[in-house]
Protein backbone atom coordinates (compact mmCIF):
# COMPACT_ATOMS: atom_id res chain seq x y z
CA UNK A 1 6.19 -31.64 44.36
CA UNK A 2 4.70 -31.95 48.22
CA UNK A 3 0.55 -30.81 47.99
CA UNK A 4 1.46 -27.70 49.54
CA UNK A 5 3.70 -26.43 46.58
CA UNK A 6 1.02 -27.95 44.37
CA UNK A 7 -1.81 -25.87 45.74
CA UNK A 8 0.27 -22.43 45.96
CA UNK A 9 0.06 -22.59 42.15
CA UNK A 10 -2.27 -20.64 40.61
CA UNK A 11 -4.36 -22.51 37.74
CA UNK A 12 -3.51 -21.92 34.41
CA UNK A 13 -5.61 -19.23 32.97
CA UNK A 14 -6.83 -19.61 29.39
CA UNK A 15 -5.49 -18.64 25.80
CA UNK A 16 -6.76 -15.97 24.21
CA UNK A 17 -7.04 -15.59 20.63
CA UNK A 18 -6.69 -12.14 19.10
CA UNK A 19 -7.39 -11.78 15.53
CA UNK A 20 -5.25 -9.03 14.08
CA UNK A 21 -6.49 -7.85 11.40
CA UNK A 22 -4.29 -7.30 7.45
CA UNK A 23 -3.19 -3.68 7.40
CA UNK A 24 -0.56 -1.47 5.71
CA UNK A 25 -0.21 0.59 9.49
CA UNK A 26 -3.00 2.93 8.27
CA UNK A 27 -5.23 4.59 5.68
CA UNK A 28 -4.75 6.99 2.68
CA UNK A 29 -5.09 10.31 4.99
CA UNK A 30 -3.03 9.25 8.22
CA UNK A 31 0.11 7.44 6.04
CA UNK A 32 0.01 9.97 2.78
CA UNK A 33 -1.73 13.05 3.69
CA UNK A 34 -1.94 16.04 1.25
CA UNK A 35 1.62 17.49 2.60
CA UNK A 36 3.36 14.28 1.54
CA UNK A 37 2.00 14.36 -1.85
CA UNK A 38 2.76 18.07 -2.01
CA UNK A 39 5.99 17.75 -0.62
CA UNK A 40 7.08 14.63 -2.81
CA UNK A 41 5.66 16.16 -6.00
CA UNK A 42 7.95 19.49 -4.93
CA UNK A 43 4.65 21.11 -5.74
CA UNK A 44 0.57 22.22 -4.34
CA UNK A 45 -1.48 19.64 -5.75
CA UNK A 46 -5.48 21.35 -5.50
CA UNK A 47 -8.66 19.80 -5.28
CA UNK A 48 -11.27 17.02 -3.85
CA UNK A 49 -9.19 13.84 -2.43
CA UNK A 50 -11.26 10.51 -2.37
CA UNK A 51 -9.55 7.38 -0.43
CA UNK A 52 -11.10 3.70 -0.51
CA UNK A 53 -10.07 0.85 1.11
CA UNK A 54 -10.06 -2.54 -0.85
CA UNK A 55 -11.39 -5.69 0.60
CA UNK A 56 -9.34 -9.08 0.42
CA UNK A 57 -8.97 -10.76 -2.54
CA UNK A 58 -7.94 -14.39 -1.65
CA UNK A 59 -7.81 -15.60 -5.80
CA UNK A 60 -5.12 -13.26 -6.29
CA UNK A 61 -3.32 -13.44 -2.36
CA UNK A 62 -4.28 -9.53 -1.68
CA UNK A 63 -5.01 -9.31 2.18
CA UNK A 64 -5.95 -5.30 1.67
CA UNK A 65 -5.65 -2.78 -0.35
CA UNK A 66 -5.72 1.73 -0.51
CA UNK A 67 -6.54 3.56 -3.10
CA UNK A 68 -5.60 7.20 -2.36
CA UNK A 69 -6.65 9.70 -5.07
CA UNK A 70 -5.64 13.84 -5.25
CA UNK A 71 -6.75 16.52 -7.07
CA UNK A 72 -10.10 15.64 -8.24
CA UNK A 73 -12.32 18.77 -9.86
CA UNK A 74 -15.79 18.84 -8.89
CA UNK A 75 -17.57 16.03 -10.31
CA UNK A 76 -20.40 17.24 -13.43
CA UNK A 77 -23.30 15.80 -13.75
CA UNK A 78 -23.93 13.87 -17.35
CA UNK A 79 -19.95 14.04 -17.50
CA UNK A 80 -17.39 11.45 -17.03
CA UNK A 81 -15.89 10.97 -13.45
CA UNK A 82 -13.02 13.33 -12.90
CA UNK A 83 -9.74 11.64 -13.32
CA UNK A 84 -7.19 12.95 -10.51
CA UNK A 85 -4.31 14.62 -10.97
CA UNK A 86 -2.31 11.63 -8.75
CA UNK A 87 -3.55 8.02 -7.88
CA UNK A 88 -1.45 5.89 -5.20
CA UNK A 89 -3.05 2.54 -4.89
CA UNK A 90 -0.59 0.41 -2.17
CA UNK A 91 -1.97 -3.10 -1.61
CA UNK A 92 -0.27 -5.92 0.64
CA UNK A 93 -0.46 -9.78 -0.59
CA UNK A 94 0.51 -12.92 1.64
CA UNK A 95 3.90 -13.01 0.07
CA UNK A 96 6.92 -11.31 -1.70
CA UNK A 97 6.04 -13.61 -4.51
CA UNK A 98 2.21 -12.55 -5.01
CA UNK A 99 3.43 -9.03 -5.05
CA UNK A 100 5.99 -9.04 -7.55
CA UNK A 101 3.43 -11.27 -9.90
CA UNK A 102 1.34 -8.76 -9.83
CA UNK A 103 4.05 -5.90 -10.79
CA UNK A 104 4.97 -7.93 -13.44
CA UNK A 105 1.46 -8.83 -14.55
CA UNK A 106 1.07 -4.37 -14.50
CA UNK A 107 3.89 -4.01 -16.43
CA UNK A 108 3.31 -6.98 -19.01
CA UNK A 109 -0.72 -5.22 -19.56
CA UNK A 110 0.57 -2.05 -20.16
CA UNK A 111 3.60 -3.31 -22.54
CA UNK A 112 0.52 -5.39 -24.56
CA UNK A 113 -0.95 -1.82 -24.71
CA UNK A 114 2.17 -0.57 -26.61
CA UNK A 115 3.91 1.31 -23.35
CA UNK A 116 7.38 2.15 -22.90
CA UNK A 117 9.18 0.92 -19.30
CA UNK A 118 12.11 2.23 -17.86
CA UNK A 119 13.68 1.08 -14.69
CA UNK A 120 14.13 3.51 -11.47
CA UNK A 121 15.08 3.04 -8.28
CA UNK A 122 12.30 3.67 -5.53
CA UNK A 123 14.72 3.35 -2.60
CA UNK A 124 16.14 0.19 -1.44
CA UNK A 125 13.88 -1.27 -4.51
CA UNK A 126 13.36 -1.38 -8.61
CA UNK A 127 10.42 -0.02 -9.82
CA UNK A 128 9.12 0.53 -13.07
CA UNK A 129 8.29 3.25 -14.65
CA UNK A 130 5.52 3.31 -18.04
CA UNK A 131 4.67 5.71 -20.18
CA UNK A 132 2.54 5.85 -23.45
CA UNK A 133 -0.64 3.96 -22.11
CA UNK A 134 -2.79 6.06 -20.21
CA UNK A 135 -1.00 8.32 -17.85
CA UNK A 136 2.87 7.68 -16.60
CA UNK A 137 2.30 5.00 -13.79
CA UNK A 138 5.51 3.45 -11.89
CA UNK A 139 4.84 0.02 -10.49
CA UNK A 140 7.24 -1.67 -7.84
CA UNK A 141 6.72 -4.59 -5.06
CA UNK A 142 8.73 -4.17 -1.68
CA UNK A 143 7.98 -7.30 0.26
CA UNK A 144 4.44 -8.28 0.24
CA UNK A 145 3.59 -4.13 -0.77
CA UNK A 146 2.91 -3.26 -3.71
CA UNK A 147 2.85 0.50 -5.39
CA UNK A 148 1.41 1.97 -8.02
CA UNK A 149 1.53 5.51 -8.70
CA UNK A 150 0.16 7.13 -11.42
CA UNK A 151 0.36 10.92 -11.73
CA UNK A 152 -0.88 13.74 -14.70
CA UNK A 153 1.27 15.00 -17.39
CA UNK A 154 0.38 18.35 -16.38
CA UNK A 155 2.39 17.44 -12.99
CA UNK A 156 5.75 16.25 -14.62
CA UNK A 157 8.72 17.14 -16.33
CA UNK A 158 8.89 15.33 -19.98
CA UNK A 159 10.56 12.49 -19.11
CA UNK A 160 11.23 12.74 -15.98
CA UNK A 161 10.30 10.06 -13.23
CA UNK A 162 11.92 11.55 -10.39
CA UNK A 163 8.13 12.75 -9.27
CA UNK A 164 6.96 9.33 -9.54
CA UNK A 165 9.86 7.64 -7.91
CA UNK A 166 9.64 9.69 -5.31
CA UNK A 167 5.77 9.63 -4.21
CA UNK A 168 6.39 5.36 -4.28
CA UNK A 169 9.25 5.39 -2.33
CA UNK A 170 6.79 8.03 -0.01
CA UNK A 171 4.15 5.54 0.07
CA UNK A 172 6.41 2.92 0.41
CA UNK A 173 8.55 4.52 3.49
CA UNK A 174 4.49 5.20 4.75
CA UNK A 175 3.73 2.02 5.00
CA UNK A 176 6.40 0.43 6.19
CA UNK A 177 4.86 -1.10 8.93
CA UNK A 178 2.35 -3.61 7.37
CA UNK A 179 0.93 -6.38 9.53
CA UNK A 180 0.30 -8.95 7.40
CA UNK A 181 -2.69 -10.34 10.13
CA UNK A 182 -2.96 -13.46 12.20
CA UNK A 183 -4.87 -14.80 15.34
CA UNK A 184 -2.17 -13.60 18.22
CA UNK A 185 -1.84 -15.36 21.32
CA UNK A 186 -2.90 -12.94 24.42
CA UNK A 187 -2.96 -14.43 28.17
CA UNK A 188 -0.65 -17.39 28.36
CA UNK A 189 -0.75 -19.73 31.76
CA UNK A 190 1.08 -18.32 34.58
CA UNK A 191 2.15 -19.42 38.26
CA UNK A 192 2.70 -17.59 41.49
CA UNK A 193 4.37 -19.62 44.41
């Protein structure tokens, strides 16, 4: 290479590193607005909403967590906190194996308290509906994500799993653009000449 060719190249620029935080693709109000919940349940949910963005829990492999609550009544001083009519928990784990273990842990806990379980389809994945301990709940894993949907028995027909499966599918569909997070390279060396 001649010295004139070498001098016509621009110096390599340093590589910038940008940290991408783990994300489920948005927050409750973006992914699961009340209208989406109403459509999935085929009824209007009345009441307040409360949304929580959880913190990472490295000991269980959880990168991020959303807790979306709908149909909350107003709090009354001196009374227990109101229970939501609908609660959807979405979690993102480092791996599908960790997500599956967390769902199985939930199922085992419910069964140890006398719940009954029933397998259901949630889009392309399998889920488990748990009844007889607390409110009816559906738990499922899809890759590194988990979803847990709890609905007041007032909102579902006795023995029906369709509403729970519909809500779980809506949550998984809405969070399909999740990001596990990483350090992504920004600028790279370039040359001109």
